[in-house]
Amino acid sequence: MELGKQIRRYRNERSFSQETLAEKVYVSRQTISNWENGKSYPDVNSLVLLSEAFEVSLDKLIKGDVENMKEQINREDQQIFNCLSVIYTVLLLAVAVTPLPLVEFLSYAGLGIWLALLGVALYVARLVEKKKKEMDVQTYKEIVAFMEGKSLNDIEKAREEGKRPYQKALWALAVGAFTLAASLLFMKLLGM
């Protein structure tokens, strides 16, 4: 991404220290350093503040990055998240469907297998969220949406939905707890 170089160039042109720029955009000096070194990418609000601090248009500030972001979103979303989503869906269905047969035919060993399956499903759900955060996909989507003329309210709504990183894991846990309770009830009814 070119933005890190652009931030450093504009900061040096205006003789801003990282600390001075950080104060102008309401972030830490370390955040400015991370942006300049390409370790992270500013969100939409920070980009607007940066363009104001540097007195340049947002288009000029992020010039080549929007196309790169679109390519990265498409490539990473389609390959990684589709694969992990399929795995997660299959595991979640297995967690919901298999406890009764496993417990019925294998007793406590079946319960152990089911708990292991639940653990793997929770792990995959966490992995999906971790990868999403590592690749900063949400931020890239916000910037692309902003550059395509969508309102900040739409972007903020999308961001709010993205602030629930454990939602999938909690959903899997809830399904698992429900299924475990149903299995134990059936075991009791069947006299096991």
Protein backbone atom coordinates (compact mmCIF):
# COMPACT_ATOMS: atom_id res chain seq x y z
CA MET A 1 0.00 0.00 0.00
CA GLU A 2 1.19 3.48 -0.86
CA LEU A 3 -0.56 5.35 1.93
CA GLY A 4 2.27 4.85 4.42
CA LYS A 5 4.69 6.53 2.01
CA GLN A 6 2.19 9.30 1.34
CA ILE A 7 1.70 9.99 5.05
CA ARG A 8 5.46 10.13 5.62
CA ARG A 9 5.99 12.37 2.58
CA TYR A 10 3.24 14.84 3.50
CA ARG A 11 4.31 14.83 7.15
CA ASN A 12 7.91 15.64 6.18
CA GLU A 13 6.80 18.31 3.67
CA ARG A 14 4.93 20.10 6.46
CA SER A 15 7.69 19.46 9.00
CA PHE A 16 5.34 17.63 11.33
CA SER A 17 6.78 15.20 13.81
CA GLN A 18 4.90 11.96 14.31
CA GLU A 19 3.80 13.32 17.69
CA THR A 20 2.44 16.55 16.14
CA LEU A 21 0.53 14.66 13.46
CA ALA A 22 -0.80 12.23 16.05
CA GLU A 23 -2.26 15.16 18.02
CA LYS A 24 -3.91 16.55 14.89
CA VAL A 25 -5.68 13.26 14.05
CA TYR A 26 -6.33 12.17 17.66
CA VAL A 27 -4.24 9.00 17.64
CA SER A 28 -0.98 7.91 19.27
CA ARG A 29 2.48 8.48 17.84
CA GLN A 30 2.83 4.67 17.56
CA THR A 31 -0.29 4.57 15.39
CA ILE A 32 1.26 7.10 13.00
CA SER A 33 4.41 4.97 12.90
CA ASN A 34 2.35 1.85 12.17
CA TRP A 35 0.55 3.62 9.33
CA GLU A 36 3.82 4.86 7.83
CA ASN A 37 5.39 1.40 8.04
CA GLY A 38 2.35 -0.34 6.57
CA LYS A 39 1.61 -2.33 9.74
CA SER A 40 -1.93 -0.98 9.92
CA TYR A 41 -4.26 1.22 7.90
CA PRO A 42 -6.20 4.24 9.14
CA ASP A 43 -9.98 4.09 9.33
CA VAL A 44 -12.17 6.45 7.32
CA ASN A 45 -12.40 9.10 10.03
CA SER A 46 -8.62 9.16 10.45
CA LEU A 47 -8.16 9.45 6.68
CA VAL A 48 -10.44 12.49 6.63
CA LEU A 49 -8.47 14.06 9.49
CA LEU A 50 -5.18 13.27 7.73
CA SER A 51 -6.35 14.90 4.51
CA GLU A 52 -7.39 17.98 6.49
CA ALA A 53 -4.07 18.11 8.37
CA PHE A 54 -2.10 17.81 5.14
CA GLU A 55 -4.50 20.12 3.26
CA VAL A 56 -4.86 17.63 0.40
CA SER A 57 -7.89 15.84 -1.01
CA LEU A 58 -8.68 12.36 0.18
CA ASP A 59 -8.31 11.12 -3.40
CA LYS A 60 -4.79 12.50 -3.59
CA LEU A 61 -3.87 11.07 -0.20
CA ILE A 62 -4.86 7.48 -0.98
CA LYS A 63 -4.41 7.65 -4.78
CA GLY A 64 -3.33 4.10 -5.73
CA ASP A 65 -4.63 2.32 -2.69
CA VAL A 66 -8.36 2.09 -3.52
CA GLU A 67 -7.82 -0.30 -6.44
CA ASN A 68 -5.36 -2.34 -4.38
CA MET A 69 -7.93 -2.50 -1.57
CA LYS A 70 -10.66 -3.70 -3.93
CA GLU A 71 -8.38 -6.44 -5.23
CA GLN A 72 -7.33 -7.44 -1.72
CA ILE A 73 -10.92 -7.52 -0.45
CA ASN A 74 -12.09 -9.64 -3.35
CA ARG A 75 -9.17 -12.05 -3.35
CA GLU A 76 -8.96 -12.56 0.41
CA ASP A 77 -12.69 -12.57 1.03
CA GLN A 78 -13.45 -15.08 -1.69
CA GLN A 79 -10.66 -17.51 -0.95
CA ILE A 80 -10.16 -17.52 2.79
CA PHE A 81 -13.54 -16.56 4.14
CA ASN A 82 -15.54 -18.74 1.76
CA CYS A 83 -13.46 -21.75 2.72
CA LEU A 84 -13.64 -21.04 6.44
CA SER A 85 -17.35 -20.26 6.21
CA VAL A 86 -18.08 -23.62 4.62
CA ILE A 87 -16.01 -25.40 7.26
CA TYR A 88 -17.71 -23.46 10.04
CA THR A 89 -21.20 -24.14 8.63
CA VAL A 90 -20.52 -27.86 8.32
CA LEU A 91 -19.14 -28.01 11.85
CA LEU A 92 -22.06 -26.04 13.26
CA LEU A 93 -24.54 -28.35 11.56
CA ALA A 94 -22.62 -31.36 12.84
CA VAL A 95 -22.69 -29.93 16.36
CA ALA A 96 -26.44 -29.45 16.10
CA VAL A 97 -27.29 -32.82 14.50
CA THR A 98 -24.88 -35.37 15.95
CA PRO A 99 -25.20 -35.31 19.74
CA LEU A 100 -28.20 -37.59 20.07
CA PRO A 101 -26.88 -40.33 17.73
CA LEU A 102 -23.40 -40.09 19.27
CA VAL A 103 -24.69 -40.35 22.82
CA GLU A 104 -27.26 -43.01 21.91
CA PHE A 105 -24.74 -45.35 20.29
CA LEU A 106 -21.50 -44.47 22.08
CA SER A 107 -22.73 -43.20 25.48
CA TYR A 108 -20.08 -41.07 27.22
CA ALA A 109 -17.54 -41.63 24.47
CA GLY A 110 -20.07 -40.13 22.05
CA LEU A 111 -20.48 -37.15 24.38
CA GLY A 112 -16.70 -36.72 24.36
CA ILE A 113 -16.63 -36.83 20.56
CA TRP A 114 -19.41 -34.27 20.42
CA LEU A 115 -17.60 -31.94 22.85
CA ALA A 116 -14.45 -32.22 20.71
CA LEU A 117 -16.51 -31.34 17.64
CA LEU A 118 -17.93 -28.34 19.50
CA GLY A 119 -14.42 -27.26 20.43
CA VAL A 120 -13.28 -27.43 16.80
CA ALA A 121 -16.33 -25.42 15.69
CA LEU A 122 -15.53 -22.71 18.26
CA TYR A 123 -11.90 -22.70 17.18
CA VAL A 124 -12.84 -22.23 13.51
CA ALA A 125 -15.25 -19.42 14.45
CA ARG A 126 -12.44 -17.69 16.35
CA LEU A 127 -10.05 -18.27 13.45
CA VAL A 128 -12.47 -16.57 11.04
CA GLU A 129 -12.64 -13.50 13.26
CA LYS A 130 -8.89 -13.44 13.85
CA LYS A 131 -8.12 -13.58 10.11
CA LYS A 132 -10.65 -10.85 9.45
CA LYS A 133 -8.95 -8.61 11.99
CA GLU A 134 -5.42 -9.47 10.81
CA MET A 135 -6.22 -8.55 7.22
CA ASP A 136 -8.07 -5.40 8.34
CA VAL A 137 -10.77 -6.27 5.83
CA GLN A 138 -13.43 -4.23 7.61
CA THR A 139 -11.38 -1.03 7.39
CA TYR A 140 -10.64 -1.56 3.70
CA LYS A 141 -14.34 -2.13 3.03
CA GLU A 142 -15.19 1.10 4.85
CA ILE A 143 -12.70 3.09 2.78
CA VAL A 144 -13.86 1.61 -0.51
CA ALA A 145 -17.48 2.33 0.47
CA PHE A 146 -16.58 5.89 1.40
CA MET A 147 -14.72 6.44 -1.87
CA GLU A 148 -17.73 5.08 -3.80
CA GLY A 149 -19.91 7.78 -2.27
CA LYS A 150 -21.74 5.84 0.43
CA SER A 151 -22.64 7.91 3.46
CA LEU A 152 -20.71 7.65 6.69
CA ASN A 153 -23.90 6.43 8.38
CA ASP A 154 -23.87 3.33 6.18
CA ILE A 155 -20.19 2.87 6.95
CA GLU A 156 -20.79 3.32 10.68
CA LYS A 157 -23.57 0.71 10.58
CA ALA A 158 -21.23 -1.74 8.90
CA ARG A 159 -18.55 -0.94 11.45
CA GLU A 160 -20.98 -1.49 14.33
CA GLU A 161 -21.81 -4.93 12.98
CA GLY A 162 -18.09 -5.65 12.75
CA LYS A 163 -17.59 -4.74 16.41
CA ARG A 164 -19.06 -8.06 17.50
CA PRO A 165 -16.01 -10.27 17.00
CA TYR A 166 -17.21 -13.09 19.23
CA GLN A 167 -20.73 -13.22 17.81
CA LYS A 168 -20.16 -16.40 15.79
CA ALA A 169 -18.34 -18.15 18.61
CA LEU A 170 -21.10 -17.24 21.05
CA TRP A 171 -23.72 -18.45 18.57
CA ALA A 172 -21.91 -21.78 18.25
CA LEU A 173 -21.64 -22.02 22.03
CA ALA A 174 -25.36 -21.32 22.43
CA VAL A 175 -26.26 -23.96 19.83
CA GLY A 176 -23.89 -26.37 21.52
CA ALA A 177 -25.35 -25.73 24.97
CA PHE A 178 -28.88 -26.17 23.65
CA THR A 179 -27.92 -29.39 21.90
CA LEU A 180 -26.14 -30.70 25.01
CA ALA A 181 -29.21 -29.95 27.12
CA ALA A 182 -31.46 -31.70 24.59
CA SER A 183 -29.12 -34.71 24.49
CA LEU A 184 -29.04 -35.01 28.27
CA LEU A 185 -32.82 -34.75 28.39
CA PHE A 186 -33.17 -37.51 25.79
CA MET A 187 -30.65 -39.66 27.67
CA LYS A 188 -32.69 -39.26 30.83
CA LEU A 189 -35.92 -40.07 28.98
CA LEU A 190 -34.35 -43.15 27.39
CA GLY A 191 -33.03 -44.29 30.76
CA MET A 192 -29.32 -44.10 29.95
